[in-house]
Amino acid sequence: MEEIEQYEKPNKFDNFWLGLVLGTIIPPIASYGVYYWFNRTNSYFEFIQKLKTWGIQTEVFLWCVLPIAFVFALFYFLHYDRAAKGVVFPTMIYTIILLILDL
């Protein structure tokens, strides 16, 4: 008996580049959200300088990378494997940058 392979219709959201773009732009947007939530009087760069002075810059930016995990989980549970792979690369780059900043 012959087995017939089912053809899956490709999903337009299961795209490596979509995951790469989302993984790249979500942390800066989250960082600006943290700035807007906690400090509206100084400029964004003054806020970052204040975080450096307080010694919590890395911790705040680490929390800004966290939303990528939710995007990855969404792609994973929807079985968008290519998009999930695209999210992993910028996450690793941001993690390496945070490790370097922490040293």
C-alpha atoms as a PDB file:
ATOM      1  CA  MET A   1       0.000   0.000   0.000  1.00  0.00           C
ATOM      2  CA  GLU A   2       1.337   3.360  -0.982  1.00  0.00           C
ATOM      3  CA  GLU A   3       1.611   6.135   1.538  1.00  0.00           C
ATOM      4  CA  ILE A   4       0.484   9.482   0.300  1.00  0.00           C
ATOM      5  CA  GLU A   5       2.346  12.482   1.640  1.00  0.00           C
ATOM      6  CA  GLN A   6       0.158  15.301   2.722  1.00  0.00           C
ATOM      7  CA  TYR A   7       1.067  18.635   1.248  1.00  0.00           C
ATOM      8  CA  GLU A   8       1.070  21.421   3.773  1.00  0.00           C
ATOM      9  CA  LYS A   9       0.242  24.836   2.491  1.00  0.00           C
ATOM     10  CA  PRO A  10       3.152  27.139   3.322  1.00  0.00           C
ATOM     11  CA  ASN A  11       2.298  29.793   5.875  1.00  0.00           C
ATOM     12  CA  LYS A  12       3.355  33.341   5.053  1.00  0.00           C
ATOM     13  CA  PHE A  13       4.281  33.953   8.710  1.00  0.00           C
ATOM     14  CA  ASP A  14       6.599  30.948   8.887  1.00  0.00           C
ATOM     15  CA  ASN A  15       9.499  32.937   7.519  1.00  0.00           C
ATOM     16  CA  PHE A  16      13.076  33.191   8.829  1.00  0.00           C
ATOM     17  CA  TRP A  17      13.272  36.891   7.977  1.00  0.00           C
ATOM     18  CA  LEU A  18      10.114  37.719   9.902  1.00  0.00           C
ATOM     19  CA  GLY A  19      11.579  36.084  12.995  1.00  0.00           C
ATOM     20  CA  LEU A  20      14.879  37.890  12.460  1.00  0.00           C
ATOM     21  CA  VAL A  21      13.188  41.284  12.132  1.00  0.00           C
ATOM     22  CA  LEU A  22      10.916  40.737  15.137  1.00  0.00           C
ATOM     23  CA  GLY A  23      13.814  39.458  17.233  1.00  0.00           C
ATOM     24  CA  THR A  24      15.842  42.520  16.304  1.00  0.00           C
ATOM     25  CA  ILE A  25      13.265  45.272  16.833  1.00  0.00           C
ATOM     26  CA  ILE A  26      11.394  44.043  19.917  1.00  0.00           C
ATOM     27  CA  PRO A  27      14.173  44.710  22.513  1.00  0.00           C
ATOM     28  CA  PRO A  28      14.713  48.366  21.482  1.00  0.00           C
ATOM     29  CA  ILE A  29      10.932  48.904  21.538  1.00  0.00           C
ATOM     30  CA  ALA A  30      10.763  47.301  24.995  1.00  0.00           C
ATOM     31  CA  SER A  31      13.686  49.453  26.120  1.00  0.00           C
ATOM     32  CA  TYR A  32      11.866  52.573  25.006  1.00  0.00           C
ATOM     33  CA  GLY A  33       8.754  51.292  26.789  1.00  0.00           C
ATOM     34  CA  VAL A  34      10.722  50.974  30.033  1.00  0.00           C
ATOM     35  CA  TYR A  35      12.038  54.511  29.518  1.00  0.00           C
ATOM     36  CA  TYR A  36       8.556  55.861  28.870  1.00  0.00           C
ATOM     37  CA  TRP A  37       7.066  54.022  31.837  1.00  0.00           C
ATOM     38  CA  PHE A  38       9.654  55.073  34.420  1.00  0.00           C
ATOM     39  CA  ASN A  39      11.122  58.368  33.250  1.00  0.00           C
ATOM     40  CA  ARG A  40       9.537  60.981  31.055  1.00  0.00           C
ATOM     41  CA  THR A  41      11.531  64.016  32.184  1.00  0.00           C
ATOM     42  CA  ASN A  42      14.990  63.152  30.843  1.00  0.00           C
ATOM     43  CA  SER A  43      15.943  62.232  27.317  1.00  0.00           C
ATOM     44  CA  TYR A  44      16.373  58.579  26.426  1.00  0.00           C
ATOM     45  CA  PHE A  45      20.175  58.843  26.447  1.00  0.00           C
ATOM     46  CA  GLU A  46      20.140  60.605  29.829  1.00  0.00           C
ATOM     47  CA  PHE A  47      17.975  57.763  31.131  1.00  0.00           C
ATOM     48  CA  ILE A  48      20.516  55.191  29.906  1.00  0.00           C
ATOM     49  CA  GLN A  49      23.312  57.208  31.525  1.00  0.00           C
ATOM     50  CA  LYS A  50      21.337  57.222  34.774  1.00  0.00           C
ATOM     51  CA  LEU A  51      20.982  53.430  34.555  1.00  0.00           C
ATOM     52  CA  LYS A  52      24.771  53.167  34.121  1.00  0.00           C
ATOM     53  CA  THR A  53      25.293  55.378  37.152  1.00  0.00           C
ATOM     54  CA  TRP A  54      22.985  53.236  39.262  1.00  0.00           C
ATOM     55  CA  GLY A  55      24.646  50.067  37.969  1.00  0.00           C
ATOM     56  CA  ILE A  56      21.444  48.491  36.662  1.00  0.00           C
ATOM     57  CA  GLN A  57      21.835  49.007  32.915  1.00  0.00           C
ATOM     58  CA  THR A  58      22.444  45.327  32.162  1.00  0.00           C
ATOM     59  CA  GLU A  59      19.559  44.163  34.328  1.00  0.00           C
ATOM     60  CA  VAL A  60      17.103  46.566  32.689  1.00  0.00           C
ATOM     61  CA  PHE A  61      18.240  45.582  29.197  1.00  0.00           C
ATOM     62  CA  LEU A  62      17.978  41.924  30.151  1.00  0.00           C
ATOM     63  CA  TRP A  63      14.308  42.486  30.966  1.00  0.00           C
ATOM     64  CA  CYS A  64      13.944  44.193  27.584  1.00  0.00           C
ATOM     65  CA  VAL A  65      15.157  41.011  25.847  1.00  0.00           C
ATOM     66  CA  LEU A  66      12.535  38.920  27.662  1.00  0.00           C
ATOM     67  CA  PRO A  67       9.658  39.711  25.227  1.00  0.00           C
ATOM     68  CA  ILE A  68      11.596  37.833  22.541  1.00  0.00           C
ATOM     69  CA  ALA A  69      10.970  34.665  24.559  1.00  0.00           C
ATOM     70  CA  PHE A  70       7.224  35.204  24.225  1.00  0.00           C
ATOM     71  CA  VAL A  71       7.542  35.673  20.468  1.00  0.00           C
ATOM     72  CA  PHE A  72       9.678  32.528  20.258  1.00  0.00           C
ATOM     73  CA  ALA A  73       7.126  30.578  22.310  1.00  0.00           C
ATOM     74  CA  LEU A  74       4.308  31.792  20.071  1.00  0.00           C
ATOM     75  CA  PHE A  75       6.163  30.691  16.932  1.00  0.00           C
ATOM     76  CA  TYR A  76       7.087  27.394  18.564  1.00  0.00           C
ATOM     77  CA  PHE A  77       3.541  26.510  19.589  1.00  0.00           C
ATOM     78  CA  LEU A  78       2.175  27.522  16.182  1.00  0.00           C
ATOM     79  CA  HIS A  79       4.819  25.259  14.578  1.00  0.00           C
ATOM     80  CA  TYR A  80       6.407  28.147  12.682  1.00  0.00           C
ATOM     81  CA  ASP A  81       9.846  26.601  12.871  1.00  0.00           C
ATOM     82  CA  ARG A  82      11.554  28.897  10.375  1.00  0.00           C
ATOM     83  CA  ALA A  83      10.314  32.018  12.151  1.00  0.00           C
ATOM     84  CA  ALA A  84      11.390  30.579  15.519  1.00  0.00           C
ATOM     85  CA  LYS A  85      14.882  29.996  14.123  1.00  0.00           C
ATOM     86  CA  GLY A  86      14.950  33.624  12.998  1.00  0.00           C
ATOM     87  CA  VAL A  87      14.153  34.798  16.522  1.00  0.00           C
ATOM     88  CA  VAL A  88      16.980  32.753  18.060  1.00  0.00           C
ATOM     89  CA  PHE A  89      19.830  34.525  16.225  1.00  0.00           C
ATOM     90  CA  PRO A  90      19.172  38.097  17.456  1.00  0.00           C
ATOM     91  CA  THR A  91      18.475  36.709  20.928  1.00  0.00           C
ATOM     92  CA  MET A  92      21.943  35.205  21.029  1.00  0.00           C
ATOM     93  CA  ILE A  93      23.481  38.457  19.736  1.00  0.00           C
ATOM     94  CA  TYR A  94      21.665  40.514  22.388  1.00  0.00           C
ATOM     95  CA  THR A  95      22.733  38.035  25.076  1.00  0.00           C
ATOM     96  CA  ILE A  96      26.393  38.257  24.016  1.00  0.00           C
ATOM     97  CA  ILE A  97      26.179  42.078  24.037  1.00  0.00           C
ATOM     98  CA  LEU A  98      24.667  42.001  27.541  1.00  0.00           C
ATOM     99  CA  LEU A  99      27.431  39.689  28.747  1.00  0.00           C
ATOM    100  CA  ILE A 100      30.062  42.042  27.356  1.00  0.00           C
ATOM    101  CA  LEU A 101      28.354  45.054  28.977  1.00  0.00           C
ATOM    102  CA  ASP A 102      28.258  43.249  32.308  1.00  0.00           C
ATOM    103  CA  LEU A 103      32.010  42.583  32.344  1.00  0.00           C
END
